[in-house]
């Protein structure tokens, strides 16, 4: 993550670690995204096996943030 500092609401000192950029509260953490990716890859693999048997490939959407919030 970037160590960018932004001016806070009150315009106080920018040297404090409390004013460091951070991930937004509504964004999913990396462990959640890894977990969802693992599940999605398994579903894609299973769907691919069914397509070879004559099925239709479903559309998988990126929905990490949607499911997290």
PDB file of N, CA and C in Angstrom:
ATOM      1  N   UNK A   1       0.843  -1.172   0.000  1.00  0.00           N
ATOM      2  CA  UNK A   1       0.000   0.000   0.000  1.00  0.00           C
ATOM      3  C   UNK A   1       0.891   1.239   0.000  1.00  0.00           C
ATOM      4  N   UNK A   2       0.386   2.255  -0.603  1.00  0.00           N
ATOM      5  CA  UNK A   2       1.126   3.499  -0.706  1.00  0.00           C
ATOM      6  C   UNK A   2       1.288   4.151   0.669  1.00  0.00           C
ATOM      7  N   UNK A   3       2.374   4.855   0.837  1.00  0.00           N
ATOM      8  CA  UNK A   3       2.586   5.596   2.091  1.00  0.00           C
ATOM      9  C   UNK A   3       2.278   7.076   1.876  1.00  0.00           C
ATOM     10  N   UNK A   4       1.324   7.331   1.022  1.00  0.00           N
ATOM     11  CA  UNK A   4       0.923   8.690   0.703  1.00  0.00           C
ATOM     12  C   UNK A   4       0.206   9.309   1.897  1.00  0.00           C
ATOM     13  N   UNK A   5       0.505  10.547   2.166  1.00  0.00           N
ATOM     14  CA  UNK A   5      -0.182  11.270   3.224  1.00  0.00           C
ATOM     15  C   UNK A   5      -1.126  12.279   2.599  1.00  0.00           C
ATOM     16  N   UNK A   6      -2.310  12.389   3.112  1.00  0.00           N
ATOM     17  CA  UNK A   6      -3.271  13.377   2.640  1.00  0.00           C
ATOM     18  C   UNK A   6      -3.557  14.341   3.772  1.00  0.00           C
ATOM     19  N   UNK A   7      -3.883  15.553   3.404  1.00  0.00           N
ATOM     20  CA  UNK A   7      -4.211  16.541   4.419  1.00  0.00           C
ATOM     21  C   UNK A   7      -5.542  16.154   5.059  1.00  0.00           C
ATOM     22  N   UNK A   8      -5.570  16.098   6.370  1.00  0.00           N
ATOM     23  CA  UNK A   8      -6.804  15.686   7.029  1.00  0.00           C
ATOM     24  C   UNK A   8      -7.811  16.833   7.053  1.00  0.00           C
ATOM     25  N   UNK A   9      -8.965  16.571   7.595  1.00  0.00           N
ATOM     26  CA  UNK A   9     -10.072  17.510   7.579  1.00  0.00           C
ATOM     27  C   UNK A   9      -9.731  18.830   8.265  1.00  0.00           C
ATOM     28  N   UNK A  10      -8.969  18.777   9.343  1.00  0.00           N
ATOM     29  CA  UNK A  10      -8.676  19.978  10.128  1.00  0.00           C
ATOM     30  C   UNK A  10      -7.387  20.674   9.703  1.00  0.00           C
ATOM     31  N   UNK A  11      -6.646  20.069   8.760  1.00  0.00           N
ATOM     32  CA  UNK A  11      -5.436  20.708   8.261  1.00  0.00           C
ATOM     33  C   UNK A  11      -4.295  20.692   9.256  1.00  0.00           C
ATOM     34  N   UNK A  12      -4.222  19.666  10.121  1.00  0.00           N
ATOM     35  CA  UNK A  12      -3.138  19.574  11.095  1.00  0.00           C
ATOM     36  C   UNK A  12      -1.911  18.955  10.458  1.00  0.00           C
ATOM     37  N   UNK A  13      -0.951  18.602  11.265  1.00  0.00           N
ATOM     38  CA  UNK A  13       0.333  18.093  10.802  1.00  0.00           C
ATOM     39  C   UNK A  13       0.175  16.866   9.906  1.00  0.00           C
ATOM     40  N   UNK A  14       0.957  16.822   8.828  1.00  0.00           N
ATOM     41  CA  UNK A  14       0.912  15.689   7.911  1.00  0.00           C
ATOM     42  C   UNK A  14       1.937  14.618   8.262  1.00  0.00           C
ATOM     43  N   UNK A  15       2.745  14.848   9.284  1.00  0.00           N
ATOM     44  CA  UNK A  15       3.786  13.901   9.641  1.00  0.00           C
ATOM     45  C   UNK A  15       3.283  12.768  10.526  1.00  0.00           C
ATOM     46  N   UNK A  16       2.096  12.859  11.006  1.00  0.00           N
ATOM     47  CA  UNK A  16       1.535  11.842  11.886  1.00  0.00           C
ATOM     48  C   UNK A  16       1.111  10.619  11.086  1.00  0.00           C
ATOM     49  N   UNK A  17       1.303   9.408  11.649  1.00  0.00           N
ATOM     50  CA  UNK A  17       0.892   8.180  10.977  1.00  0.00           C
ATOM     51  C   UNK A  17      -0.625   8.053  10.937  1.00  0.00           C
ATOM     52  N   UNK A  18      -1.312   8.789  11.778  1.00  0.00           N
ATOM     53  CA  UNK A  18      -2.768   8.718  11.826  1.00  0.00           C
ATOM     54  C   UNK A  18      -3.393   9.253  10.547  1.00  0.00           C
ATOM     55  N   UNK A  19      -2.649  10.024   9.777  1.00  0.00           N
ATOM     56  CA  UNK A  19      -3.198  10.632   8.576  1.00  0.00           C
ATOM     57  C   UNK A  19      -2.747   9.916   7.312  1.00  0.00           C
ATOM     58  N   UNK A  20      -2.258   8.702   7.465  1.00  0.00           N
ATOM     59  CA  UNK A  20      -1.783   7.943   6.314  1.00  0.00           C
ATOM     60  C   UNK A  20      -2.967   7.402   5.517  1.00  0.00           C
ATOM     61  N   UNK A  21      -2.783   7.304   4.222  1.00  0.00           N
ATOM     62  CA  UNK A  21      -3.804   6.711   3.362  1.00  0.00           C
ATOM     63  C   UNK A  21      -4.083   5.286   3.797  1.00  0.00           C
ATOM     64  N   UNK A  22      -5.318   4.844   3.718  1.00  0.00           N
ATOM     65  CA  UNK A  22      -5.641   3.461   4.040  1.00  0.00           C
ATOM     66  C   UNK A  22      -6.810   3.002   3.188  1.00  0.00           C
ATOM     67  N   UNK A  23      -7.031   1.700   3.201  1.00  0.00           N
ATOM     68  CA  UNK A  23      -8.114   1.129   2.415  1.00  0.00           C
ATOM     69  C   UNK A  23      -9.454   1.606   2.949  1.00  0.00           C
ATOM     70  N   UNK A  24     -10.384   1.847   2.059  1.00  0.00           N
ATOM     71  CA  UNK A  24     -11.718   2.301   2.453  1.00  0.00           C
ATOM     72  C   UNK A  24     -12.423   1.216   3.258  1.00  0.00           C
ATOM     73  N   UNK A  25     -13.325   1.597   4.116  1.00  0.00           N
ATOM     74  CA  UNK A  25     -14.006   0.658   4.998  1.00  0.00           C
ATOM     75  C   UNK A  25     -14.897  -0.301   4.232  1.00  0.00           C
ATOM     76  N   UNK A  26     -15.359   0.075   3.054  1.00  0.00           N
ATOM     77  CA  UNK A  26     -16.288  -0.762   2.307  1.00  0.00           C
ATOM     78  C   UNK A  26     -15.589  -1.732   1.350  1.00  0.00           C
ATOM     79  N   UNK A  27     -14.267  -1.685   1.257  1.00  0.00           N
ATOM     80  CA  UNK A  27     -13.519  -2.580   0.387  1.00  0.00           C
ATOM     81  C   UNK A  27     -13.229  -3.898   1.106  1.00  0.00           C
ATOM     82  N   UNK A  28     -13.292  -5.025   0.404  1.00  0.00           N
ATOM     83  CA  UNK A  28     -13.016  -6.315   1.050  1.00  0.00           C
ATOM     84  C   UNK A  28     -11.524  -6.497   1.305  1.00  0.00           C
ATOM     85  N   UNK A  29     -11.162  -7.194   2.386  1.00  0.00           N
ATOM     86  CA  UNK A  29      -9.747  -7.453   2.662  1.00  0.00           C
ATOM     87  C   UNK A  29      -9.186  -8.513   1.709  1.00  0.00           C
ATOM     88  N   UNK A  30      -7.876  -8.604   1.652  1.00  0.00           N
ATOM     89  CA  UNK A  30      -7.241  -9.503   0.691  1.00  0.00           C
ATOM     90  C   UNK A  30      -7.549 -10.963   1.003  1.00  0.00           C
ATOM     91  N   UNK A  31      -7.687 -11.364   2.260  1.00  0.00           N
ATOM     92  CA  UNK A  31      -7.986 -12.762   2.573  1.00  0.00           C
ATOM     93  C   UNK A  31      -9.350 -13.148   2.011  1.00  0.00           C
ATOM     94  N   UNK A  32     -10.298 -12.223   2.015  1.00  0.00           N
ATOM     95  CA  UNK A  32     -11.629 -12.497   1.484  1.00  0.00           C
ATOM     96  C   UNK A  32     -11.571 -12.658  -0.036  1.00  0.00           C
ATOM     97  N   UNK A  33     -10.782 -11.785  -0.688  1.00  0.00           N
ATOM     98  CA  UNK A  33     -10.670 -11.861  -2.140  1.00  0.00           C
ATOM     99  C   UNK A  33      -9.973 -13.160  -2.559  1.00  0.00           C
ATOM    100  N   UNK A  34      -8.962 -13.607  -1.815  1.00  0.00           N
ATOM    101  CA  UNK A  34      -8.296 -14.873  -2.120  1.00  0.00           C
ATOM    102  C   UNK A  34      -9.260 -16.040  -1.970  1.00  0.00           C
ATOM    103  N   UNK A  35     -10.064 -16.021  -0.907  1.00  0.00           N
ATOM    104  CA  UNK A  35     -11.025 -17.079  -0.665  1.00  0.00           C
ATOM    105  C   UNK A  35     -12.045 -17.149  -1.802  1.00  0.00           C
ATOM    106  N   UNK A  36     -12.587 -15.987  -2.198  1.00  0.00           N
ATOM    107  CA  UNK A  36     -13.577 -15.939  -3.263  1.00  0.00           C
ATOM    108  C   UNK A  36     -12.975 -16.387  -4.597  1.00  0.00           C
ATOM    109  N   UNK A  37     -11.721 -16.014  -4.844  1.00  0.00           N
ATOM    110  CA  UNK A  37     -11.051 -16.404  -6.081  1.00  0.00           C
ATOM    111  C   UNK A  37     -10.876 -17.919  -6.153  1.00  0.00           C
ATOM    112  N   UNK A  38     -10.539 -18.531  -5.020  1.00  0.00           N
ATOM    113  CA  UNK A  38     -10.360 -19.980  -4.975  1.00  0.00           C
ATOM    114  C   UNK A  38     -11.684 -20.693  -5.268  1.00  0.00           C
ATOM    115  N   UNK A  39     -12.766 -20.204  -4.683  1.00  0.00           N
ATOM    116  CA  UNK A  39     -14.083 -20.789  -4.926  1.00  0.00           C
ATOM    117  C   UNK A  39     -14.486 -20.609  -6.387  1.00  0.00           C
ATOM    118  N   UNK A  40     -14.223 -19.425  -6.919  1.00  0.00           N
ATOM    119  CA  UNK A  40     -14.595 -19.149  -8.307  1.00  0.00           C
ATOM    120  C   UNK A  40     -13.817 -20.019  -9.280  1.00  0.00           C
ATOM    121  N   UNK A  41     -12.521 -20.218  -9.035  1.00  0.00           N
ATOM    122  CA  UNK A  41     -11.722 -21.072  -9.916  1.00  0.00           C
ATOM    123  C   UNK A  41     -12.243 -22.508  -9.911  1.00  0.00           C
ATOM    124  N   UNK A  42     -12.645 -22.991  -8.741  1.00  0.00           N
ATOM    125  CA  UNK A  42     -13.205 -24.343  -8.651  1.00  0.00           C
ATOM    126  C   UNK A  42     -14.509 -24.436  -9.438  1.00  0.00           C
ATOM    127  N   UNK A  43     -15.347 -23.416  -9.346  1.00  0.00           N
ATOM    128  CA  UNK A  43     -16.602 -23.406 -10.097  1.00  0.00           C
ATOM    129  C   UNK A  43     -16.354 -23.340 -11.598  1.00  0.00           C
ATOM    130  N   UNK A  44     -15.360 -22.556 -12.020  1.00  0.00           N
ATOM    131  CA  UNK A  44     -15.032 -22.462 -13.433  1.00  0.00           C
ATOM    132  C   UNK A  44     -14.509 -23.798 -13.956  1.00  0.00           C
ATOM    133  N   UNK A  45     -13.682 -24.455 -13.151  1.00  0.00           N
ATOM    134  CA  UNK A  45     -13.141 -25.753 -13.549  1.00  0.00           C
ATOM    135  C   UNK A  45     -14.268 -26.773 -13.698  1.00  0.00           C
ATOM    136  N   UNK A  46     -15.187 -26.796 -12.751  1.00  0.00           N
ATOM    137  CA  UNK A  46     -16.321 -27.712 -12.809  1.00  0.00           C
ATOM    138  C   UNK A  46     -17.194 -27.411 -14.036  1.00  0.00           C
ATOM    139  N   UNK A  47     -17.426 -26.133 -14.327  1.00  0.00           N
ATOM    140  CA  UNK A  47     -18.229 -25.753 -15.482  1.00  0.00           C
ATOM    141  C   UNK A  47     -17.540 -26.154 -16.782  1.00  0.00           C
ATOM    142  N   UNK A  48     -16.219 -26.032 -16.807  1.00  0.00           N
ATOM    143  CA  UNK A  48     -15.471 -26.407 -17.998  1.00  0.00           C
ATOM    144  C   UNK A  48     -15.598 -27.904 -18.262  1.00  0.00           C
ATOM    145  N   UNK A  49     -15.579 -28.701 -17.212  1.00  0.00           N
ATOM    146  CA  UNK A  49     -15.754 -30.143 -17.369  1.00  0.00           C
ATOM    147  C   UNK A  49     -17.148 -30.460 -17.914  1.00  0.00           C
ATOM    148  N   UNK A  50     -18.146 -29.699 -17.493  1.00  0.00           N
ATOM    149  CA  UNK A  50     -19.509 -29.925 -17.977  1.00  0.00           C
ATOM    150  C   UNK A  50     -19.674 -29.461 -19.427  1.00  0.00           C
ATOM    151  N   UNK A  51     -18.931 -28.405 -19.827  1.00  0.00           N
ATOM    152  CA  UNK A  51     -18.999 -27.899 -21.201  1.00  0.00           C
ATOM    153  C   UNK A  51     -18.438 -28.944 -22.151  1.00  0.00           C
ATOM    154  N   UNK A  52     -17.363 -29.601 -21.739  1.00  0.00           N
ATOM    155  CA  UNK A  52     -16.766 -30.640 -22.579  1.00  0.00           C
ATOM    156  C   UNK A  52     -17.783 -31.757 -22.793  1.00  0.00           C
ATOM    157  N   UNK A  53     -18.634 -31.993 -21.807  1.00  0.00           N
ATOM    158  CA  UNK A  53     -19.665 -33.017 -21.918  1.00  0.00           C
ATOM    159  C   UNK A  53     -20.886 -32.558 -22.691  1.00  0.00           C
ATOM    160  N   UNK A  54     -20.917 -31.328 -23.172  1.00  0.00           N
ATOM    161  CA  UNK A  54     -22.034 -30.845 -23.985  1.00  0.00           C
ATOM    162  C   UNK A  54     -22.868 -29.775 -23.317  1.00  0.00           C
ATOM    163  N   UNK A  55     -22.419 -29.263 -22.183  1.00  0.00           N
ATOM    164  CA  UNK A  55     -23.175 -28.214 -21.491  1.00  0.00           C
ATOM    165  C   UNK A  55     -22.820 -26.833 -22.007  1.00  0.00           C
ATOM    166  N   UNK A  56     -23.327 -25.807 -21.328  1.00  0.00           N
ATOM    167  CA  UNK A  56     -23.060 -24.421 -21.706  1.00  0.00           C
ATOM    168  C   UNK A  56     -22.262 -23.738 -20.604  1.00  0.00           C
ATOM    169  N   UNK A  57     -21.271 -22.929 -20.992  1.00  0.00           N
ATOM    170  CA  UNK A  57     -20.411 -22.251 -20.015  1.00  0.00           C
ATOM    171  C   UNK A  57     -21.152 -21.068 -19.398  1.00  0.00           C
ATOM    172  N   UNK A  58     -21.341 -21.051 -18.074  1.00  0.00           N
ATOM    173  CA  UNK A  58     -22.000 -19.912 -17.425  1.00  0.00           C
ATOM    174  C   UNK A  58     -21.064 -18.703 -17.356  1.00  0.00           C
ATOM    175  N   UNK A  59     -21.645 -17.533 -17.115  1.00  0.00           N
ATOM    176  CA  UNK A  59     -20.871 -16.300 -16.979  1.00  0.00           C
ATOM    177  C   UNK A  59     -20.604 -16.062 -15.501  1.00  0.00           C
ATOM    178  N   UNK A  60     -19.335 -15.922 -15.143  1.00  0.00           N
ATOM    179  CA  UNK A  60     -18.939 -15.655 -13.765  1.00  0.00           C
ATOM    180  C   UNK A  60     -18.557 -14.191 -13.648  1.00  0.00           C
ATOM    181  N   UNK A  61     -19.211 -13.466 -12.749  1.00  0.00           N
ATOM    182  CA  UNK A  61     -18.933 -12.051 -12.553  1.00  0.00           C
ATOM    183  C   UNK A  61     -17.981 -11.856 -11.386  1.00  0.00           C
ATOM    184  N   UNK A  62     -17.229 -10.757 -11.427  1.00  0.00           N
ATOM    185  CA  UNK A  62     -16.378 -10.382 -10.305  1.00  0.00           C
ATOM    186  C   UNK A  62     -17.268  -9.710  -9.271  1.00  0.00           C
ATOM    187  N   UNK A  63     -17.482 -10.373  -8.154  1.00  0.00           N
ATOM    188  CA  UNK A  63     -18.450  -9.871  -7.185  1.00  0.00           C
ATOM    189  C   UNK A  63     -17.893  -9.802  -5.768  1.00  0.00           C
ATOM    190  N   UNK A  64     -16.588  -9.659  -5.621  1.00  0.00           N
ATOM    191  CA  UNK A  64     -15.989  -9.604  -4.279  1.00  0.00           C
ATOM    192  C   UNK A  64     -16.566  -8.464  -3.444  1.00  0.00           C
ATOM    193  N   UNK A  65     -16.525  -7.277  -4.013  1.00  0.00           N
ATOM    194  CA  UNK A  65     -16.969  -6.106  -3.248  1.00  0.00           C
ATOM    195  C   UNK A  65     -18.474  -6.146  -3.009  1.00  0.00           C
ATOM    196  N   UNK A  66     -19.228  -6.643  -3.956  1.00  0.00           N
ATOM    197  CA  UNK A  66     -20.679  -6.731  -3.813  1.00  0.00           C
ATOM    198  C   UNK A  66     -21.053  -7.660  -2.653  1.00  0.00           C
ATOM    199  N   UNK A  67     -20.395  -8.803  -2.563  1.00  0.00           N
ATOM    200  CA  UNK A  67     -20.718  -9.762  -1.500  1.00  0.00           C
ATOM    201  C   UNK A  67     -20.180  -9.323  -0.140  1.00  0.00           C
ATOM    202  N   UNK A  68     -19.119  -8.544  -0.144  1.00  0.00           N
ATOM    203  CA  UNK A  68     -18.520  -8.130   1.125  1.00  0.00           C
ATOM    204  C   UNK A  68     -19.369  -7.086   1.836  1.00  0.00           C
ATOM    205  N   UNK A  69     -19.935  -6.148   1.101  1.00  0.00           N
ATOM    206  CA  UNK A  69     -20.703  -5.067   1.716  1.00  0.00           C
ATOM    207  C   UNK A  69     -22.159  -5.408   1.875  1.00  0.00           C
TER     208      UNK A  69
END
